[in-house]
């Protein structure tokens, strides 16, 4: 519910997380990273939208560009090499008009960077459960889906 995903899509994320067996990344950490690196969630974490639902709408309406190309898919997986920015024509849009004032008040997670002047940001590292508080008990979620 936190990320606003339908059951089927969430189940696919769980399957991806369980398929990865790594010495450095546990399945619950991988699930957390997959959910946090969705474009709509990154837009929300950057503070461009006040809710995840609003961030999803902002992406779907084409206000966000990734590496200079407009992306309209909220589930787009952002990588650490990607640059996320507000589309040029959207910088004066009503929702984003006073963003510079709001950005000064809001603190960013450690795994994100943002340039207020250029209205451009990036994911500097993969989010961990320490750098971004997980939404719920991911161990319990994974054990539910593995029954």
C-alpha atoms as a PDB file:
ATOM      1  CA  UNK A   1       0.000   0.000   0.000  1.00  0.00           C
ATOM      2  CA  UNK A   2       2.839   2.411   0.785  1.00  0.00           C
ATOM      3  CA  UNK A   3       4.202   2.351  -2.753  1.00  0.00           C
ATOM      4  CA  UNK A   4       0.748   2.233  -4.370  1.00  0.00           C
ATOM      5  CA  UNK A   5       1.406  -0.971  -6.298  1.00  0.00           C
ATOM      6  CA  UNK A   6      -1.139  -3.534  -7.414  1.00  0.00           C
ATOM      7  CA  UNK A   7      -0.730  -7.018  -5.940  1.00  0.00           C
ATOM      8  CA  UNK A   8       0.530  -8.554  -9.173  1.00  0.00           C
ATOM      9  CA  UNK A   9       3.235  -5.943  -9.692  1.00  0.00           C
ATOM     10  CA  UNK A  10       4.348  -6.196  -6.058  1.00  0.00           C
ATOM     11  CA  UNK A  11       4.509  -9.993  -6.363  1.00  0.00           C
ATOM     12  CA  UNK A  12       6.838  -9.581  -9.368  1.00  0.00           C
ATOM     13  CA  UNK A  13       9.153  -7.389  -7.286  1.00  0.00           C
ATOM     14  CA  UNK A  14       9.189 -10.065  -4.573  1.00  0.00           C
ATOM     15  CA  UNK A  15      10.064 -12.732  -7.150  1.00  0.00           C
ATOM     16  CA  UNK A  16      12.949 -10.608  -8.446  1.00  0.00           C
ATOM     17  CA  UNK A  17      14.217 -10.076  -4.914  1.00  0.00           C
ATOM     18  CA  UNK A  18      14.043 -13.799  -4.097  1.00  0.00           C
ATOM     19  CA  UNK A  19      15.804 -14.733  -7.345  1.00  0.00           C
ATOM     20  CA  UNK A  20      18.913 -12.777  -6.342  1.00  0.00           C
ATOM     21  CA  UNK A  21      21.236 -14.736  -4.088  1.00  0.00           C
ATOM     22  CA  UNK A  22      24.211 -12.580  -3.263  1.00  0.00           C
ATOM     23  CA  UNK A  23      26.690 -12.575  -0.418  1.00  0.00           C
ATOM     24  CA  UNK A  24      26.373  -8.799  -0.104  1.00  0.00           C
ATOM     25  CA  UNK A  25      22.635  -8.261  -0.650  1.00  0.00           C
ATOM     26  CA  UNK A  26      19.935 -10.176   1.208  1.00  0.00           C
ATOM     27  CA  UNK A  27      16.501 -10.629  -0.457  1.00  0.00           C
ATOM     28  CA  UNK A  28      14.773  -8.146   1.872  1.00  0.00           C
ATOM     29  CA  UNK A  29      17.446  -5.528   1.096  1.00  0.00           C
ATOM     30  CA  UNK A  30      17.109  -6.175  -2.629  1.00  0.00           C
ATOM     31  CA  UNK A  31      13.304  -5.818  -2.414  1.00  0.00           C
ATOM     32  CA  UNK A  32      13.747  -2.538  -0.561  1.00  0.00           C
ATOM     33  CA  UNK A  33      16.181  -1.262  -3.214  1.00  0.00           C
ATOM     34  CA  UNK A  34      13.849  -2.294  -6.062  1.00  0.00           C
ATOM     35  CA  UNK A  35      10.946  -0.401  -4.507  1.00  0.00           C
ATOM     36  CA  UNK A  36      12.968   2.685  -3.602  1.00  0.00           C
ATOM     37  CA  UNK A  37      14.541   2.963  -7.061  1.00  0.00           C
ATOM     38  CA  UNK A  38      11.230   3.188  -8.899  1.00  0.00           C
ATOM     39  CA  UNK A  39      11.112   6.545 -10.704  1.00  0.00           C
ATOM     40  CA  UNK A  40       7.901   7.650  -8.983  1.00  0.00           C
ATOM     41  CA  UNK A  41       9.430   6.940  -5.569  1.00  0.00           C
ATOM     42  CA  UNK A  42      12.665   8.776  -6.450  1.00  0.00           C
ATOM     43  CA  UNK A  43      10.621  11.802  -7.560  1.00  0.00           C
ATOM     44  CA  UNK A  44       8.767  11.646  -4.232  1.00  0.00           C
ATOM     45  CA  UNK A  45      11.996  11.289  -2.220  1.00  0.00           C
ATOM     46  CA  UNK A  46      13.506  14.260  -4.080  1.00  0.00           C
ATOM     47  CA  UNK A  47      10.564  16.319  -2.851  1.00  0.00           C
ATOM     48  CA  UNK A  48       9.175  17.178  -6.277  1.00  0.00           C
ATOM     49  CA  UNK A  49       5.803  15.817  -5.153  1.00  0.00           C
ATOM     50  CA  UNK A  50       4.255  15.752  -1.701  1.00  0.00           C
ATOM     51  CA  UNK A  51       2.872  12.203  -2.096  1.00  0.00           C
ATOM     52  CA  UNK A  52       3.890   9.079  -3.987  1.00  0.00           C
ATOM     53  CA  UNK A  53       0.591   9.201  -5.830  1.00  0.00           C
ATOM     54  CA  UNK A  54       1.352  12.770  -6.916  1.00  0.00           C
ATOM     55  CA  UNK A  55       4.840  11.712  -8.006  1.00  0.00           C
ATOM     56  CA  UNK A  56       3.331   8.878 -10.047  1.00  0.00           C
ATOM     57  CA  UNK A  57       1.032  11.354 -11.778  1.00  0.00           C
ATOM     58  CA  UNK A  58       3.901  13.781 -12.377  1.00  0.00           C
ATOM     59  CA  UNK A  59       5.907  11.039 -14.114  1.00  0.00           C
ATOM     60  CA  UNK A  60       2.912   9.790 -16.112  1.00  0.00           C
ATOM     61  CA  UNK A  61       2.180  13.314 -17.358  1.00  0.00           C
ATOM     62  CA  UNK A  62       5.710  13.648 -18.716  1.00  0.00           C
ATOM     63  CA  UNK A  63       7.145  16.279 -16.359  1.00  0.00           C
ATOM     64  CA  UNK A  64      10.267  14.196 -15.569  1.00  0.00           C
ATOM     65  CA  UNK A  65      13.227  13.386 -17.794  1.00  0.00           C
ATOM     66  CA  UNK A  66      15.883  10.755 -17.166  1.00  0.00           C
ATOM     67  CA  UNK A  67      19.206  11.287 -18.942  1.00  0.00           C
ATOM     68  CA  UNK A  68      17.597  13.917 -21.169  1.00  0.00           C
ATOM     69  CA  UNK A  69      14.723  11.698 -22.329  1.00  0.00           C
ATOM     70  CA  UNK A  70      11.154  12.034 -21.129  1.00  0.00           C
ATOM     71  CA  UNK A  71      10.059   8.958 -19.196  1.00  0.00           C
ATOM     72  CA  UNK A  72       6.358   8.386 -18.592  1.00  0.00           C
ATOM     73  CA  UNK A  73       6.600   5.015 -16.852  1.00  0.00           C
ATOM     74  CA  UNK A  74       6.361   5.343 -13.043  1.00  0.00           C
ATOM     75  CA  UNK A  75       7.883   1.876 -12.526  1.00  0.00           C
ATOM     76  CA  UNK A  76      11.062   2.787 -14.461  1.00  0.00           C
ATOM     77  CA  UNK A  77      14.043   1.488 -12.463  1.00  0.00           C
ATOM     78  CA  UNK A  78      16.517   4.300 -11.846  1.00  0.00           C
ATOM     79  CA  UNK A  79      20.215   3.389 -11.778  1.00  0.00           C
ATOM     80  CA  UNK A  80      23.072   5.194 -10.064  1.00  0.00           C
ATOM     81  CA  UNK A  81      24.283   6.516 -13.427  1.00  0.00           C
ATOM     82  CA  UNK A  82      20.966   8.196 -14.276  1.00  0.00           C
ATOM     83  CA  UNK A  83      20.308  11.951 -14.083  1.00  0.00           C
ATOM     84  CA  UNK A  84      16.742  12.845 -13.086  1.00  0.00           C
ATOM     85  CA  UNK A  85      15.500  16.319 -13.979  1.00  0.00           C
ATOM     86  CA  UNK A  86      12.348  18.330 -14.435  1.00  0.00           C
ATOM     87  CA  UNK A  87      11.462  18.834 -18.091  1.00  0.00           C
ATOM     88  CA  UNK A  88      12.182  22.391 -19.272  1.00  0.00           C
ATOM     89  CA  UNK A  89       8.583  23.340 -20.019  1.00  0.00           C
ATOM     90  CA  UNK A  90       7.431  21.903 -16.677  1.00  0.00           C
ATOM     91  CA  UNK A  91       9.710  24.044 -14.497  1.00  0.00           C
ATOM     92  CA  UNK A  92       7.127  26.834 -14.439  1.00  0.00           C
ATOM     93  CA  UNK A  93       4.186  24.455 -13.973  1.00  0.00           C
ATOM     94  CA  UNK A  94       1.944  25.295 -11.024  1.00  0.00           C
ATOM     95  CA  UNK A  95       3.043  22.358  -8.890  1.00  0.00           C
ATOM     96  CA  UNK A  96       6.751  23.089  -9.404  1.00  0.00           C
ATOM     97  CA  UNK A  97       6.613  26.903  -9.471  1.00  0.00           C
ATOM     98  CA  UNK A  98       7.792  27.425  -5.870  1.00  0.00           C
ATOM     99  CA  UNK A  99       9.873  24.289  -5.593  1.00  0.00           C
ATOM    100  CA  UNK A 100      13.121  26.118  -4.780  1.00  0.00           C
ATOM    101  CA  UNK A 101      11.568  27.496  -1.581  1.00  0.00           C
ATOM    102  CA  UNK A 102      10.245  24.100  -0.514  1.00  0.00           C
ATOM    103  CA  UNK A 103      13.527  22.358  -1.368  1.00  0.00           C
ATOM    104  CA  UNK A 104      15.427  24.409   1.197  1.00  0.00           C
ATOM    105  CA  UNK A 105      13.138  23.126   3.972  1.00  0.00           C
ATOM    106  CA  UNK A 106      13.291  19.468   3.038  1.00  0.00           C
ATOM    107  CA  UNK A 107      16.171  17.110   3.787  1.00  0.00           C
ATOM    108  CA  UNK A 108      17.164  14.487   1.237  1.00  0.00           C
ATOM    109  CA  UNK A 109      18.031  10.877   1.942  1.00  0.00           C
ATOM    110  CA  UNK A 110      21.766  10.180   1.834  1.00  0.00           C
ATOM    111  CA  UNK A 111      21.440   8.172  -1.369  1.00  0.00           C
ATOM    112  CA  UNK A 112      20.135  11.143  -3.394  1.00  0.00           C
ATOM    113  CA  UNK A 113      21.656  14.410  -4.599  1.00  0.00           C
ATOM    114  CA  UNK A 114      19.818  17.450  -5.964  1.00  0.00           C
ATOM    115  CA  UNK A 115      20.870  20.694  -7.673  1.00  0.00           C
ATOM    116  CA  UNK A 116      18.130  23.265  -7.008  1.00  0.00           C
ATOM    117  CA  UNK A 117      19.308  25.713  -9.662  1.00  0.00           C
ATOM    118  CA  UNK A 118      19.316  23.205 -12.507  1.00  0.00           C
ATOM    119  CA  UNK A 119      16.385  21.221 -11.027  1.00  0.00           C
ATOM    120  CA  UNK A 120      18.389  18.064 -11.619  1.00  0.00           C
ATOM    121  CA  UNK A 121      19.330  15.227  -9.339  1.00  0.00           C
ATOM    122  CA  UNK A 122      20.829  11.771  -9.197  1.00  0.00           C
ATOM    123  CA  UNK A 123      20.916   8.585  -7.218  1.00  0.00           C
ATOM    124  CA  UNK A 124      24.391   8.540  -5.690  1.00  0.00           C
ATOM    125  CA  UNK A 125      24.211   5.024  -4.230  1.00  0.00           C
ATOM    126  CA  UNK A 126      21.813   2.116  -3.946  1.00  0.00           C
ATOM    127  CA  UNK A 127      19.479   2.762  -1.014  1.00  0.00           C
ATOM    128  CA  UNK A 128      19.956   0.495   1.960  1.00  0.00           C
ATOM    129  CA  UNK A 129      17.612  -0.216   4.838  1.00  0.00           C
ATOM    130  CA  UNK A 130      19.758   2.136   6.956  1.00  0.00           C
ATOM    131  CA  UNK A 131      19.730   5.065   4.497  1.00  0.00           C
ATOM    132  CA  UNK A 132      16.001   4.873   3.721  1.00  0.00           C
ATOM    133  CA  UNK A 133      13.591   3.536   6.296  1.00  0.00           C
ATOM    134  CA  UNK A 134      11.777   0.483   4.892  1.00  0.00           C
ATOM    135  CA  UNK A 135       8.002   0.686   4.709  1.00  0.00           C
ATOM    136  CA  UNK A 136       7.054  -2.221   6.932  1.00  0.00           C
ATOM    137  CA  UNK A 137       8.597  -5.527   7.875  1.00  0.00           C
ATOM    138  CA  UNK A 138      10.103  -6.836   4.650  1.00  0.00           C
ATOM    139  CA  UNK A 139      11.129 -10.117   6.309  1.00  0.00           C
ATOM    140  CA  UNK A 140       7.462 -10.841   7.044  1.00  0.00           C
ATOM    141  CA  UNK A 141       6.461  -9.871   3.507  1.00  0.00           C
ATOM    142  CA  UNK A 142       9.026 -12.243   1.996  1.00  0.00           C
ATOM    143  CA  UNK A 143       8.027 -15.089   4.316  1.00  0.00           C
ATOM    144  CA  UNK A 144       4.366 -14.564   3.338  1.00  0.00           C
ATOM    145  CA  UNK A 145       5.184 -14.801  -0.372  1.00  0.00           C
ATOM    146  CA  UNK A 146       7.379 -17.855   0.032  1.00  0.00           C
ATOM    147  CA  UNK A 147       4.676 -20.009   1.646  1.00  0.00           C
END
